[in-house]
């Protein structure tokens, strides 16, 4: 299947001692998949093993660290520059932010 630059779907099999194996379909771009497979192979494990470990960790400690792309980093930099130049607004409470948005 091809959507934008996302051109592959692969299955990850998970196993639990008390339940049957489940299939997880993951949509990712081909470059990311190949890079992840190479990285997993370099440490002697399969990509399924890596993904299962990440799923177990996420289930136990639900958090995710997102790394902004170039466009987002540029937007953040522009916003910080505006704030330094006194063009931006800052608020010390959500209520004040919402009041400003609705004014």
Protein backbone atom coordinates (compact mmCIF):
# COMPACT_ATOMS: atom_id res chain seq x y z
CA UNK A 1 0.00 0.00 0.00
CA UNK A 2 1.27 3.50 -0.78
CA UNK A 3 0.16 6.72 0.97
CA UNK A 4 2.41 9.73 0.58
CA UNK A 5 5.92 8.56 1.40
CA UNK A 6 4.55 5.69 3.48
CA UNK A 7 4.93 2.63 1.29
CA UNK A 8 5.04 -0.39 3.54
CA UNK A 9 3.03 -2.24 6.11
CA UNK A 10 4.56 -5.07 8.07
CA UNK A 11 3.32 -7.38 10.76
CA UNK A 12 4.70 -7.63 14.25
CA UNK A 13 3.84 -10.78 16.16
CA UNK A 14 3.52 -10.59 19.92
CA UNK A 15 3.36 -13.56 22.24
CA UNK A 16 1.99 -13.77 25.76
CA UNK A 17 2.11 -16.92 27.83
CA UNK A 18 -1.62 -16.66 28.64
CA UNK A 19 -3.02 -15.46 25.31
CA UNK A 20 -2.67 -16.24 21.64
CA UNK A 21 -0.26 -14.40 19.40
CA UNK A 22 -1.56 -11.05 18.14
CA UNK A 23 -0.74 -9.34 14.86
CA UNK A 24 0.02 -5.63 14.87
CA UNK A 25 0.05 -3.81 11.53
CA UNK A 26 2.42 -0.86 11.53
CA UNK A 27 2.52 1.76 8.81
CA UNK A 28 5.89 3.40 8.28
CA UNK A 29 8.00 4.67 5.43
CA UNK A 30 10.38 2.23 3.76
CA UNK A 31 13.55 4.12 4.76
CA UNK A 32 12.62 4.07 8.45
CA UNK A 33 11.77 0.38 8.27
CA UNK A 34 15.06 -0.53 6.60
CA UNK A 35 17.09 1.60 9.01
CA UNK A 36 15.33 0.01 11.99
CA UNK A 37 15.87 -3.50 10.60
CA UNK A 38 19.57 -2.79 10.11
CA UNK A 39 19.89 -1.38 13.63
CA UNK A 40 18.09 -4.40 15.11
CA UNK A 41 20.24 -6.79 13.10
CA UNK A 42 23.39 -4.97 14.26
CA UNK A 43 22.58 -5.91 17.87
CA UNK A 44 21.50 -9.42 16.95
CA UNK A 45 17.74 -9.18 17.33
CA UNK A 46 14.74 -9.01 15.01
CA UNK A 47 12.67 -5.90 14.43
CA UNK A 48 9.74 -7.71 16.06
CA UNK A 49 11.83 -8.15 19.22
CA UNK A 50 12.63 -4.43 19.29
CA UNK A 51 9.00 -3.42 18.74
CA UNK A 52 7.74 -5.88 21.36
CA UNK A 53 10.21 -4.50 23.90
CA UNK A 54 9.04 -0.95 23.12
CA UNK A 55 5.38 -1.96 23.39
CA UNK A 56 5.97 -3.58 26.79
CA UNK A 57 7.82 -0.51 28.01
CA UNK A 58 5.09 1.81 26.73
CA UNK A 59 2.39 -0.32 28.39
CA UNK A 60 4.26 -0.17 31.71
CA UNK A 61 5.29 3.50 31.47
CA UNK A 62 2.92 5.32 29.09
CA UNK A 63 4.98 8.15 27.66
CA UNK A 64 6.50 8.97 24.31
CA UNK A 65 9.35 11.25 23.37
CA UNK A 66 8.72 13.01 20.09
CA UNK A 67 11.54 14.61 18.15
CA UNK A 68 10.38 17.65 16.15
CA UNK A 69 11.08 17.69 12.43
CA UNK A 70 12.84 20.58 10.65
CA UNK A 71 9.60 22.51 10.00
CA UNK A 72 8.54 22.29 13.65
CA UNK A 73 12.02 23.27 14.88
CA UNK A 74 11.89 26.31 12.58
CA UNK A 75 8.46 27.29 13.95
CA UNK A 76 9.67 26.92 17.53
CA UNK A 77 12.74 29.05 16.74
CA UNK A 78 10.59 31.74 15.12
CA UNK A 79 8.26 31.79 18.13
CA UNK A 80 11.18 32.11 20.55
CA UNK A 81 12.59 34.97 18.48
CA UNK A 82 9.23 36.78 18.56
CA UNK A 83 9.07 36.39 22.33
CA UNK A 84 12.60 37.79 22.75
CA UNK A 85 11.64 40.74 20.54
CA UNK A 86 8.59 41.41 22.72
CA UNK A 87 6.16 40.46 19.94
CA UNK A 88 4.83 37.33 21.59
CA UNK A 89 2.57 36.86 24.57
CA UNK A 90 3.07 34.68 27.58
CA UNK A 91 0.63 33.64 30.25
CA UNK A 92 1.07 32.25 33.74
CA UNK A 93 -2.22 30.36 33.71
CA UNK A 94 -4.43 28.52 31.25
CA UNK A 95 -7.35 30.72 32.26
CA UNK A 96 -5.49 33.87 31.19
CA UNK A 97 -4.48 32.25 27.90
CA UNK A 98 -8.07 31.23 27.17
CA UNK A 99 -9.37 34.68 28.10
CA UNK A 100 -6.90 36.25 25.64
CA UNK A 101 -7.86 33.78 22.91
CA UNK A 102 -11.55 34.58 23.34
CA UNK A 103 -11.09 38.37 23.48
